[in-house]
Amino acid sequence: MRKKKVVFCGPDDALEFVKKVEKYPYNMDMISGRFIVDAKSLLGVMNLVCQPEIELNVYEEDCEDLFKDIEKYIAA
């Protein structure tokens, strides 16, 4: 499993993020506080948009292609 922190500036970022991650076959969750949502669920991700940082868990070790595709959302 690989983890990254992601940040969204608004709903448009969340929509674009979900469109990108749903292309990949990996199972992914997003966690913020006590909330856990499927990273490929637009409705779930929209509920987390207001959070300052969200943890993305990808249940695959070899997922550098995904991280490269979503690098603009990964917290520095």
C-alpha atoms as a PDB file:
ATOM      1  CA  MET A   1       0.000   0.000   0.000  1.00  0.00           C
ATOM      2  CA  ARG A   2       1.203   3.510  -0.842  1.00  0.00           C
ATOM      3  CA  LYS A   3       0.032   6.727   0.829  1.00  0.00           C
ATOM      4  CA  LYS A   4       0.062  10.360  -0.270  1.00  0.00           C
ATOM      5  CA  LYS A   5      -1.550  13.540   1.029  1.00  0.00           C
ATOM      6  CA  VAL A   6      -3.725  15.366  -1.502  1.00  0.00           C
ATOM      7  CA  VAL A   7      -5.280  18.839  -1.538  1.00  0.00           C
ATOM      8  CA  PHE A   8      -8.124  20.253  -3.618  1.00  0.00           C
ATOM      9  CA  CYS A   9      -8.750  23.945  -4.307  1.00  0.00           C
ATOM     10  CA  GLY A  10     -12.409  23.380  -5.124  1.00  0.00           C
ATOM     11  CA  PRO A  11     -15.054  21.108  -6.650  1.00  0.00           C
ATOM     12  CA  ASP A  12     -13.534  21.368 -10.138  1.00  0.00           C
ATOM     13  CA  ASP A  13     -10.287  19.862  -8.822  1.00  0.00           C
ATOM     14  CA  ALA A  14     -12.203  17.001  -7.225  1.00  0.00           C
ATOM     15  CA  LEU A  15     -14.051  16.280 -10.473  1.00  0.00           C
ATOM     16  CA  GLU A  16     -10.819  16.248 -12.488  1.00  0.00           C
ATOM     17  CA  PHE A  17      -9.117  14.078  -9.831  1.00  0.00           C
ATOM     18  CA  VAL A  18     -11.875  11.431  -9.952  1.00  0.00           C
ATOM     19  CA  LYS A  19     -11.771  11.371 -13.763  1.00  0.00           C
ATOM     20  CA  LYS A  20      -8.029  10.676 -13.590  1.00  0.00           C
ATOM     21  CA  VAL A  21      -8.040   8.002 -10.868  1.00  0.00           C
ATOM     22  CA  GLU A  22     -10.963   6.012 -12.258  1.00  0.00           C
ATOM     23  CA  LYS A  23      -8.796   5.104 -15.279  1.00  0.00           C
ATOM     24  CA  TYR A  24      -6.509   2.999 -13.043  1.00  0.00           C
ATOM     25  CA  PRO A  25      -7.295  -0.558 -11.894  1.00  0.00           C
ATOM     26  CA  TYR A  26      -5.998   0.026  -8.348  1.00  0.00           C
ATOM     27  CA  ASN A  27      -8.246   0.060  -5.286  1.00  0.00           C
ATOM     28  CA  MET A  28      -8.011   3.462  -3.575  1.00  0.00           C
ATOM     29  CA  ASP A  29      -9.496   5.091  -0.476  1.00  0.00           C
ATOM     30  CA  MET A  30      -9.393   8.657   0.767  1.00  0.00           C
ATOM     31  CA  ILE A  31      -9.341   9.348   4.493  1.00  0.00           C
ATOM     32  CA  SER A  32      -9.971  12.561   6.384  1.00  0.00           C
ATOM     33  CA  GLY A  33     -10.579  12.325  10.110  1.00  0.00           C
ATOM     34  CA  ARG A  34     -13.129   9.583  10.645  1.00  0.00           C
ATOM     35  CA  PHE A  35     -14.400   9.668   7.059  1.00  0.00           C
ATOM     36  CA  ILE A  36     -13.270   7.053   4.532  1.00  0.00           C
ATOM     37  CA  VAL A  37     -14.486   7.210   0.924  1.00  0.00           C
ATOM     38  CA  ASP A  38     -13.710   5.401  -2.307  1.00  0.00           C
ATOM     39  CA  ALA A  39     -11.301   7.618  -4.294  1.00  0.00           C
ATOM     40  CA  LYS A  40     -13.187   6.764  -7.494  1.00  0.00           C
ATOM     41  CA  SER A  41     -16.513   7.991  -6.098  1.00  0.00           C
ATOM     42  CA  LEU A  42     -17.271  11.553  -7.143  1.00  0.00           C
ATOM     43  CA  LEU A  43     -19.913  11.968  -4.440  1.00  0.00           C
ATOM     44  CA  GLY A  44     -17.539  10.661  -1.774  1.00  0.00           C
ATOM     45  CA  VAL A  45     -14.636  12.863  -2.875  1.00  0.00           C
ATOM     46  CA  MET A  46     -16.902  15.933  -3.071  1.00  0.00           C
ATOM     47  CA  ASN A  47     -17.667  15.453   0.630  1.00  0.00           C
ATOM     48  CA  LEU A  48     -13.955  15.862   1.402  1.00  0.00           C
ATOM     49  CA  VAL A  49     -13.242  18.926  -0.788  1.00  0.00           C
ATOM     50  CA  CYS A  50     -13.290  21.367   2.156  1.00  0.00           C
ATOM     51  CA  GLN A  51     -10.687  19.403   4.129  1.00  0.00           C
ATOM     52  CA  PRO A  52      -7.185  20.927   4.279  1.00  0.00           C
ATOM     53  CA  GLU A  53      -5.372  17.636   3.545  1.00  0.00           C
ATOM     54  CA  ILE A  54      -6.742  14.248   2.615  1.00  0.00           C
ATOM     55  CA  GLU A  55      -4.838  10.978   2.822  1.00  0.00           C
ATOM     56  CA  LEU A  56      -4.939   8.874  -0.352  1.00  0.00           C
ATOM     57  CA  ASN A  57      -4.300   5.154   0.164  1.00  0.00           C
ATOM     58  CA  VAL A  58      -3.532   3.156  -2.967  1.00  0.00           C
ATOM     59  CA  TYR A  59      -3.588  -0.612  -2.460  1.00  0.00           C
ATOM     60  CA  GLU A  60      -0.823  -1.302  -4.962  1.00  0.00           C
ATOM     61  CA  GLU A  61       2.951  -0.936  -4.626  1.00  0.00           C
ATOM     62  CA  ASP A  62       3.748  -0.165  -8.269  1.00  0.00           C
ATOM     63  CA  CYS A  63       1.586   2.920  -8.896  1.00  0.00           C
ATOM     64  CA  GLU A  64       4.053   5.619  -9.934  1.00  0.00           C
ATOM     65  CA  ASP A  65       2.055   6.170 -13.138  1.00  0.00           C
ATOM     66  CA  LEU A  66      -0.962   7.167 -11.031  1.00  0.00           C
ATOM     67  CA  PHE A  67       1.076   9.519  -8.836  1.00  0.00           C
ATOM     68  CA  LYS A  68       2.566  11.177 -11.898  1.00  0.00           C
ATOM     69  CA  ASP A  69      -0.926  11.697 -13.335  1.00  0.00           C
ATOM     70  CA  ILE A  70      -2.247  13.317 -10.118  1.00  0.00           C
ATOM     71  CA  GLU A  71       0.918  15.179  -9.089  1.00  0.00           C
ATOM     72  CA  LYS A  72      -0.826  18.583  -9.109  1.00  0.00           C
ATOM     73  CA  TYR A  73      -3.032  17.414  -6.204  1.00  0.00           C
ATOM     74  CA  ILE A  74      -0.269  15.881  -4.095  1.00  0.00           C
ATOM     75  CA  ALA A  75       0.636  18.042  -1.105  1.00  0.00           C
ATOM     76  CA  ALA A  76       4.240  19.237  -1.077  1.00  0.00           C
END
